C-alpha cells in the first residue's frame, strides 16, 4: 500500500513541478514579448512562479492531514502523522470526541 501511495505522490509532485516550469516559461515569454531581452528559465523566473503559485498553507495542510488520519488510516500508513497531530493538538476535545 505504501508503494502505491508513494507512486501517486511522485506523480502529483511531477505535475506540480511541470506546472511551475510552465508558469516560469510563460513569464519569460511574456517578458520577451513586452520588449525585454531573451532569457532562459533560470532560478529567478522559477522562484517567482513558485512564489506566485504558493502560499503558506501549513494550517490548511494540517487540517487536511487530520481528516486523512481520521477517515483514511485503516492500514496504519499515517500512524506517525496521527501521533504527531495528537501530540501537538492545541484544542481541547469535549466528550466522546477526544
Protein backbone atom coordinates (compact mmCIF):
# COMPACT_ATOMS: atom_id res chain seq x y z
CA UNK A 1 0.00 0.00 0.00
CA UNK A 2 2.83 2.41 0.80
CA UNK A 3 4.47 1.85 -2.58
CA UNK A 4 1.22 2.79 -4.34
CA UNK A 5 0.84 5.90 -2.17
CA UNK A 6 4.46 6.87 -2.89
CA UNK A 7 3.92 6.43 -6.63
CA UNK A 8 0.81 8.61 -6.52
CA UNK A 9 2.67 11.26 -4.50
CA UNK A 10 5.53 11.27 -7.02
CA UNK A 11 3.09 11.70 -9.92
CA UNK A 12 1.40 14.58 -8.11
CA UNK A 13 4.76 16.20 -7.37
CA UNK A 14 5.82 15.80 -11.00
CA UNK A 15 2.62 17.52 -12.09
CA UNK A 16 3.28 20.41 -9.72
CA UNK A 17 6.85 20.81 -10.97
CA UNK A 18 5.73 20.76 -14.61
CA UNK A 19 3.11 23.40 -13.80
CA UNK A 20 5.67 25.65 -12.12
CA UNK A 21 8.11 25.32 -15.01
CA UNK A 22 5.27 26.16 -17.42
CA UNK A 23 4.43 29.26 -15.38
CA UNK A 24 8.07 30.33 -15.33
CA UNK A 25 8.36 29.77 -19.09
CA UNK A 26 5.23 31.85 -19.72
CA UNK A 27 6.66 34.60 -17.53
CA UNK A 28 9.88 34.67 -19.58
CA UNK A 29 7.95 34.63 -22.88
CA UNK A 30 5.74 37.50 -21.68
CA UNK A 31 8.83 39.46 -20.72
CA UNK A 32 10.34 38.87 -24.17
CA UNK A 33 7.10 39.90 -25.92
CA UNK A 34 6.97 43.06 -23.81
CA UNK A 35 10.31 44.08 -25.29
CA UNK A 36 12.66 42.55 -22.77
CA UNK A 37 15.75 40.58 -23.56
CA UNK A 38 15.58 36.87 -24.23
CA UNK A 39 16.23 34.98 -21.03
CA UNK A 40 16.42 31.37 -20.06
CA UNK A 41 14.10 29.91 -17.47
CA UNK A 42 16.58 30.10 -14.65
CA UNK A 43 16.19 30.33 -10.93
CA UNK A 44 14.69 33.84 -10.76
CA UNK A 45 11.65 33.24 -13.01
CA UNK A 46 11.19 29.81 -11.50
CA UNK A 47 11.31 31.20 -7.96
CA UNK A 48 8.82 33.90 -8.95
CA UNK A 49 6.48 31.24 -10.35
CA UNK A 50 6.77 29.25 -7.14
CA UNK A 51 6.07 32.34 -5.05
CA UNK A 52 3.06 33.26 -7.18
CA UNK A 53 1.64 29.74 -7.08
CA UNK A 54 2.10 29.03 -3.40
CA UNK A 55 1.15 30.49 -0.09
CA UNK A 56 1.74 29.48 3.47
CA UNK A 57 -0.66 26.59 3.88
CA UNK A 58 0.59 24.80 6.94
CA UNK A 59 -2.69 25.20 8.81
CA UNK A 60 -4.75 24.03 5.83
CA UNK A 61 -2.41 21.08 5.26
CA UNK A 62 -2.66 20.04 8.91
CA UNK A 63 -6.46 20.22 8.75
CA UNK A 64 -6.43 18.02 5.64
CA UNK A 65 -3.94 15.69 7.27
CA UNK A 66 -6.19 15.37 10.32
CA UNK A 67 -9.06 14.33 8.03
CA UNK A 68 -6.88 11.74 6.30
CA UNK A 69 -5.74 10.34 9.65
CA UNK A 70 -9.31 10.27 10.95
CA UNK A 71 -11.06 8.77 7.94
CA UNK A 72 -8.45 7.01 5.78
CA UNK A 73 -5.88 5.44 8.07
CA UNK A 74 -7.26 1.90 8.19
CA UNK A 75 -3.94 0.45 7.02
CA UNK A 76 -1.89 2.39 9.56
CA UNK A 77 0.05 4.22 6.87
CA UNK A 78 -0.37 7.53 8.67
CA UNK A 79 0.20 6.36 12.26
CA UNK A 80 3.24 8.62 12.71
CA UNK A 81 1.24 11.60 11.49
CA UNK A 82 -1.62 10.66 13.83
CA UNK A 83 0.77 10.59 16.78
CA UNK A 84 2.21 13.97 15.80
CA UNK A 85 -1.22 15.54 15.40
CA UNK A 86 -2.34 14.16 18.73
CA UNK A 87 0.82 15.38 20.49
CA UNK A 88 0.59 18.89 19.04
CA UNK A 89 -3.15 19.38 19.21
CA UNK A 90 -3.90 22.67 20.93
CA UNK A 91 -7.66 22.17 21.02
CA UNK A 92 -9.33 20.55 23.98
CA UNK A 93 -11.58 17.73 23.00
CA UNK A 94 -15.01 17.52 24.53
CA UNK A 95 -16.90 14.39 25.49
CA UNK A 96 -16.73 11.40 23.21
CA UNK A 97 -14.74 13.24 20.52
CA UNK A 98 -11.49 13.02 22.47
